[in-house]
């Protein structure tokens, strides 16, 4: 059965099937160019990567930004699996679905988790990895600072049975975005794509599934073996100096967790959503790394 990209039958957004899930995606650039997979996080959609897709396309890359599993208009997995390794397998399957043996991955937030997981599962398939706003998972999960535990309190809230209703409140979502990127003067249009997804209660539960899979991760020895191990691919870590979700101190002192060429870029004056707050500078950091 052919899994190559084909137009959707119900709207203009193309779809591709990978790892048992139908993914809607945005793309730009020549299809025979080197593949770059851009993976979004929470609360976000593929739409926020449009400036990066354009810059990558202008440089000759085939840039693809899928809507992550569970996020409309992508499909929701039949088994309700939203664990980190599921996300990594999605990324690897998407690479093959687009006809490539390997691809550079740019991941933000949960997209960064997917990138770490993909690189851990199949380092040969990810020659370059750019992770934004998330340190190595061993650093984040096993050595959080007291300040980070306070910042991460929302993860505990998302375990509560009624949290899907909380997530459907536009004002609360806007407040969360403002907390994480305090100097971003975002507009209603900036949040419109993710708010459209979160209007649907099933989609809200899917989005929360990413967080509700975290307790299982801590008890999954096979997943920890992949995710806690040092990264074996060339990696650039980008973080905002004013990130209210994951503090800058969490990115310091993690060099030993990256075995090959690795560097870190701090973006001053921006927070968690640096690719939205300073999209051209973010694209500069991505391109300079890929073209080095």
Protein backbone atom coordinates (compact mmCIF):
# COMPACT_ATOMS: atom_id res chain seq x y z
CA UNK A 1 0.00 0.00 0.00
CA UNK A 2 1.48 3.33 -1.05
CA UNK A 3 2.19 5.65 1.89
CA UNK A 4 3.61 8.53 -0.15
CA UNK A 5 1.96 11.92 0.33
CA UNK A 6 -1.38 12.46 -1.37
CA UNK A 7 -3.97 15.24 -1.19
CA UNK A 8 -6.74 14.90 1.35
CA UNK A 9 -10.20 14.16 0.03
CA UNK A 10 -11.94 16.62 2.35
CA UNK A 11 -9.75 19.73 2.29
CA UNK A 12 -6.63 21.10 0.68
CA UNK A 13 -4.22 19.96 3.41
CA UNK A 14 -2.19 16.98 2.17
CA UNK A 15 -1.95 13.81 4.25
CA UNK A 16 0.50 10.98 4.64
CA UNK A 17 0.21 7.78 6.66
CA UNK A 18 3.11 6.90 8.96
CA UNK A 19 3.36 4.61 11.99
CA UNK A 20 -0.33 3.81 11.68
CA UNK A 21 -1.48 7.45 11.93
CA UNK A 22 -2.63 9.79 9.17
CA UNK A 23 -0.66 13.02 9.38
CA UNK A 24 -1.69 16.30 7.81
CA UNK A 25 1.30 18.45 6.97
CA UNK A 26 2.59 21.70 5.53
CA UNK A 27 5.52 21.63 3.14
CA UNK A 28 7.68 23.90 1.07
CA UNK A 29 10.70 23.56 -1.18
CA UNK A 30 11.81 21.06 -3.80
CA UNK A 31 10.70 17.49 -3.12
CA UNK A 32 14.11 16.22 -4.24
CA UNK A 33 15.90 18.48 -1.77
CA UNK A 34 17.31 17.27 1.55
CA UNK A 35 14.41 16.57 3.90
CA UNK A 36 13.99 18.64 7.05
CA UNK A 37 11.21 17.57 9.40
CA UNK A 38 9.87 20.36 11.63
CA UNK A 39 7.93 19.09 14.66
CA UNK A 40 5.77 21.39 16.77
CA UNK A 41 4.97 21.24 20.45
CA UNK A 42 2.28 22.43 22.87
CA UNK A 43 0.24 24.58 22.68
CA UNK A 44 1.02 24.96 19.01
CA UNK A 45 0.47 23.57 15.52
CA UNK A 46 2.47 23.18 12.33
CA UNK A 47 1.31 26.67 11.32
CA UNK A 48 3.93 28.37 13.52
CA UNK A 49 6.70 26.86 11.41
CA UNK A 50 5.63 28.64 8.21
CA UNK A 51 8.45 31.24 8.36
CA UNK A 52 11.01 28.48 8.92
CA UNK A 53 9.58 26.38 6.09
CA UNK A 54 9.94 29.33 3.73
CA UNK A 55 13.55 29.96 4.73
CA UNK A 56 14.45 26.28 4.44
CA UNK A 57 12.79 26.07 1.03
CA UNK A 58 14.72 29.11 -0.20
CA UNK A 59 17.91 27.31 0.80
CA UNK A 60 16.95 24.24 -1.26
CA UNK A 61 15.57 21.98 1.46
CA UNK A 62 12.33 20.00 1.32
CA UNK A 63 10.81 21.33 4.53
CA UNK A 64 7.86 19.49 6.06
CA UNK A 65 5.91 20.36 9.21
CA UNK A 66 3.36 17.70 10.21
CA UNK A 67 0.56 18.30 12.66
CA UNK A 68 1.58 15.99 15.48
CA UNK A 69 -0.54 12.95 16.33
CA UNK A 70 -3.80 13.98 17.94
CA UNK A 71 -3.64 17.57 16.69
CA UNK A 72 -6.26 18.42 14.06
CA UNK A 73 -6.32 17.80 11.19
CA UNK A 74 -3.98 14.84 11.79
CA UNK A 75 -5.43 11.57 13.02
CA UNK A 76 -5.64 10.26 16.54
CA UNK A 77 -4.01 6.87 17.19
CA UNK A 78 -6.47 4.03 17.72
CA UNK A 79 -4.57 2.87 20.82
CA UNK A 80 -4.42 6.40 22.34
CA UNK A 81 -0.63 6.10 22.51
CA UNK A 82 1.13 9.41 23.10
CA UNK A 83 4.38 8.31 24.70
CA UNK A 84 7.75 9.77 23.81
CA UNK A 85 8.83 6.68 21.88
CA UNK A 86 5.59 6.79 19.89
CA UNK A 87 6.49 10.34 18.87
CA UNK A 88 10.00 9.28 17.92
CA UNK A 89 8.67 6.40 15.82
CA UNK A 90 6.30 8.85 14.13
CA UNK A 91 9.25 10.99 13.09
CA UNK A 92 11.21 8.03 11.73
CA UNK A 93 8.18 6.70 9.85
CA UNK A 94 7.52 10.15 8.38
CA UNK A 95 11.06 10.27 7.04
CA UNK A 96 10.45 7.04 5.15
CA UNK A 97 6.96 8.11 4.05
CA UNK A 98 8.51 11.10 2.31
CA UNK A 99 10.88 8.82 0.44
CA UNK A 100 14.05 9.54 2.43
CA UNK A 101 16.45 7.36 4.35
CA UNK A 102 17.40 10.17 6.72
CA UNK A 103 16.38 13.71 7.56
CA UNK A 104 17.37 16.61 9.72
CA UNK A 105 14.85 17.14 12.52
CA UNK A 106 13.92 20.51 14.02
CA UNK A 107 11.74 20.01 17.08
CA UNK A 108 10.21 22.50 19.49
CA UNK A 109 8.77 21.52 22.89
CA UNK A 110 7.13 18.08 22.41
CA UNK A 111 8.58 18.13 18.91
CA UNK A 112 11.99 18.30 20.58
CA UNK A 113 11.05 15.25 22.66
CA UNK A 114 10.15 13.48 19.42
CA UNK A 115 13.51 14.49 17.97
CA UNK A 116 15.43 13.18 20.96
CA UNK A 117 13.48 9.92 20.77
CA UNK A 118 14.02 9.50 17.03
CA UNK A 119 17.76 10.14 17.41
CA UNK A 120 17.91 7.61 20.23
CA UNK A 121 16.01 4.95 18.31
CA UNK A 122 17.82 5.36 14.98
CA UNK A 123 20.74 7.80 15.07
CA UNK A 124 21.69 6.90 11.50
CA UNK A 125 18.37 8.37 10.31
CA UNK A 126 18.93 11.79 11.95
CA UNK A 127 22.23 13.30 10.78
CA UNK A 128 21.44 16.69 12.34
CA UNK A 129 19.11 17.43 15.25
CA UNK A 130 17.91 20.87 16.35
CA UNK A 131 15.99 20.86 19.62
CA UNK A 132 14.32 24.05 20.83
CA UNK A 133 13.17 24.86 24.36
CA UNK A 134 13.86 21.39 25.84
CA UNK A 135 17.16 20.22 27.37
CA UNK A 136 18.28 16.60 27.27
CA UNK A 137 15.52 14.53 28.83
CA UNK A 138 17.88 13.03 31.41
CA UNK A 139 18.67 16.55 32.61
CA UNK A 140 15.01 17.60 32.59
CA UNK A 141 13.49 14.55 34.25
CA UNK A 142 16.18 13.51 36.70
CA UNK A 143 17.83 16.80 37.71
CA UNK A 144 15.16 19.54 37.78
CA UNK A 145 15.95 22.60 39.86
CA UNK A 146 13.51 23.76 42.55
CA UNK A 147 12.59 26.64 40.23
CA UNK A 148 11.87 24.20 37.42
CA UNK A 149 9.64 22.07 39.62
CA UNK A 150 7.60 25.20 40.24
CA UNK A 151 7.45 26.02 36.53
CA UNK A 152 6.40 22.47 35.69
CA UNK A 153 3.40 22.46 38.01
CA UNK A 154 1.10 22.59 34.98
CA UNK A 155 2.16 19.01 34.17
CA UNK A 156 0.61 17.88 37.44
CA UNK A 157 -2.55 19.86 36.68
CA UNK A 158 -2.81 18.07 33.35
CA UNK A 159 -3.04 14.72 35.14
CA UNK A 160 -6.37 15.73 36.72
CA UNK A 161 -9.53 14.23 35.19
CA UNK A 162 -11.13 17.63 34.57
CA UNK A 163 -8.11 19.32 33.03
CA UNK A 164 -9.42 18.94 29.48
CA UNK A 165 -12.07 21.55 30.33
CA UNK A 166 -9.37 23.88 31.67
CA UNK A 167 -7.48 23.47 28.41
CA UNK A 168 -10.54 24.54 26.43
CA UNK A 169 -10.64 28.00 28.03
CA UNK A 170 -9.07 30.53 25.59
CA UNK A 171 -8.24 33.00 28.36
CA UNK A 172 -6.40 30.39 30.41
CA UNK A 173 -4.49 29.23 27.36
CA UNK A 174 -3.50 32.80 26.53
CA UNK A 175 -2.34 33.29 30.12
CA UNK A 176 -0.22 30.16 29.87
CA UNK A 177 1.41 31.36 26.65
CA UNK A 178 2.07 34.76 28.23
CA UNK A 179 3.65 33.09 31.27
CA UNK A 180 5.96 31.07 29.06
CA UNK A 181 6.84 33.93 26.68
CA UNK A 182 6.36 37.04 28.83
CA UNK A 183 7.54 39.57 26.21
CA UNK A 184 5.69 38.11 23.22
CA UNK A 185 2.92 40.45 22.05
CA UNK A 186 0.95 37.68 20.42
CA UNK A 187 -2.36 38.31 18.67
CA UNK A 188 -5.60 36.37 18.48
CA UNK A 189 -4.43 35.21 15.07
CA UNK A 190 -1.27 33.70 16.55
CA UNK A 191 -3.31 31.48 18.88
CA UNK A 192 -6.18 30.80 16.47
CA UNK A 193 -4.80 27.54 15.00
CA UNK A 194 -4.28 25.82 18.36
CA UNK A 195 -7.53 27.21 19.78
CA UNK A 196 -9.35 25.71 16.81
CA UNK A 197 -7.88 22.31 17.70
CA UNK A 198 -8.68 22.64 21.38
CA UNK A 199 -12.35 23.47 20.83
CA UNK A 200 -12.92 19.76 20.31
CA UNK A 201 -13.01 17.80 23.57
CA UNK A 202 -11.54 14.68 21.94
CA UNK A 203 -8.64 16.73 20.65
CA UNK A 204 -8.07 18.23 24.09
CA UNK A 205 -7.85 14.74 25.57
CA UNK A 206 -5.41 13.77 22.83
CA UNK A 207 -3.19 16.76 23.57
CA UNK A 208 -3.28 15.94 27.28
CA UNK A 209 -2.33 12.37 26.39
CA UNK A 210 1.26 13.54 25.83
CA UNK A 211 1.47 14.64 29.47
CA UNK A 212 -0.49 11.73 30.87
CA UNK A 213 1.98 9.33 29.29
CA UNK A 214 4.81 10.76 31.40
CA UNK A 215 4.19 8.70 34.57
CA UNK A 216 4.33 5.51 32.48
CA UNK A 217 7.63 6.67 31.01
CA UNK A 218 9.21 6.77 34.45
CA UNK A 219 8.34 3.07 34.89
CA UNK A 220 9.29 1.96 31.36
CA UNK A 221 12.84 0.62 31.45
CA UNK A 222 13.09 0.20 27.67
CA UNK A 223 11.97 3.79 27.05
CA UNK A 224 14.37 5.14 29.65
CA UNK A 225 17.20 3.22 28.04
CA UNK A 226 16.59 5.19 24.83
CA UNK A 227 15.67 8.58 26.23
CA UNK A 228 18.16 8.85 29.08
CA UNK A 229 21.18 7.80 27.03
CA UNK A 230 23.60 10.36 25.59
CA UNK A 231 22.62 11.72 22.17
CA UNK A 232 24.68 10.17 19.38
CA UNK A 233 23.98 12.68 16.60
CA UNK A 234 25.19 16.18 15.84
CA UNK A 235 22.91 18.48 17.82
CA UNK A 236 22.14 22.15 18.32
CA UNK A 237 20.09 23.15 21.37
CA UNK A 238 18.28 26.50 21.15
CA UNK A 239 16.60 28.11 24.14
CA UNK A 240 15.09 31.45 25.08
CA UNK A 241 16.76 33.38 27.85
CA UNK A 242 13.37 34.41 29.24
CA UNK A 243 11.57 31.07 28.95
CA UNK A 244 8.91 30.79 31.65
CA UNK A 245 8.27 27.11 30.94
CA UNK A 246 11.79 25.66 31.08
CA UNK A 247 14.34 27.95 32.68
CA UNK A 248 17.72 28.74 31.17
CA UNK A 249 19.50 27.07 34.11
CA UNK A 250 18.16 23.73 32.88
CA UNK A 251 20.29 24.01 29.75
CA UNK A 252 23.56 24.56 31.60
CA UNK A 253 25.96 21.74 32.44
CA UNK A 254 24.52 19.15 30.06
CA UNK A 255 27.41 18.92 27.59
CA UNK A 256 28.30 15.39 28.73
CA UNK A 257 24.92 14.15 27.46
CA UNK A 258 25.83 14.84 23.82
CA UNK A 259 28.51 12.56 22.38
CA UNK A 260 29.11 14.13 18.95
CA UNK A 261 29.34 17.75 17.79
CA UNK A 262 27.02 19.77 20.01
CA UNK A 263 26.43 23.41 20.69
CA UNK A 264 23.87 25.57 22.43
CA UNK A 265 22.39 28.90 21.36
CA UNK A 266 20.73 31.20 23.84
CA UNK A 267 18.29 33.65 22.26
CA UNK A 268 18.11 36.81 24.40
CA UNK A 269 14.86 38.65 24.88
CA UNK A 270 12.60 35.73 23.94
CA UNK A 271 10.79 33.02 25.82
CA UNK A 272 9.48 29.55 25.14
CA UNK A 273 8.04 30.25 21.68
CA UNK A 274 11.22 31.67 20.20
CA UNK A 275 10.34 30.48 16.69
CA UNK A 276 7.24 32.68 16.85
CA UNK A 277 8.76 35.64 18.68
CA UNK A 278 11.87 35.93 16.51
CA UNK A 279 11.18 33.67 13.51
CA UNK A 280 13.91 35.00 11.23
CA UNK A 281 16.61 34.83 13.89
CA UNK A 282 15.46 31.34 14.80
CA UNK A 283 15.67 30.35 11.12
CA UNK A 284 19.18 31.84 10.97
CA UNK A 285 20.24 29.58 13.84
CA UNK A 286 18.72 26.52 12.19
CA UNK A 287 20.21 27.20 8.75
CA UNK A 288 23.68 28.05 10.02
CA UNK A 289 23.73 24.72 11.82
CA UNK A 290 22.45 22.65 8.90
CA UNK A 291 24.80 24.31 6.43
CA UNK A 292 27.92 24.18 8.60
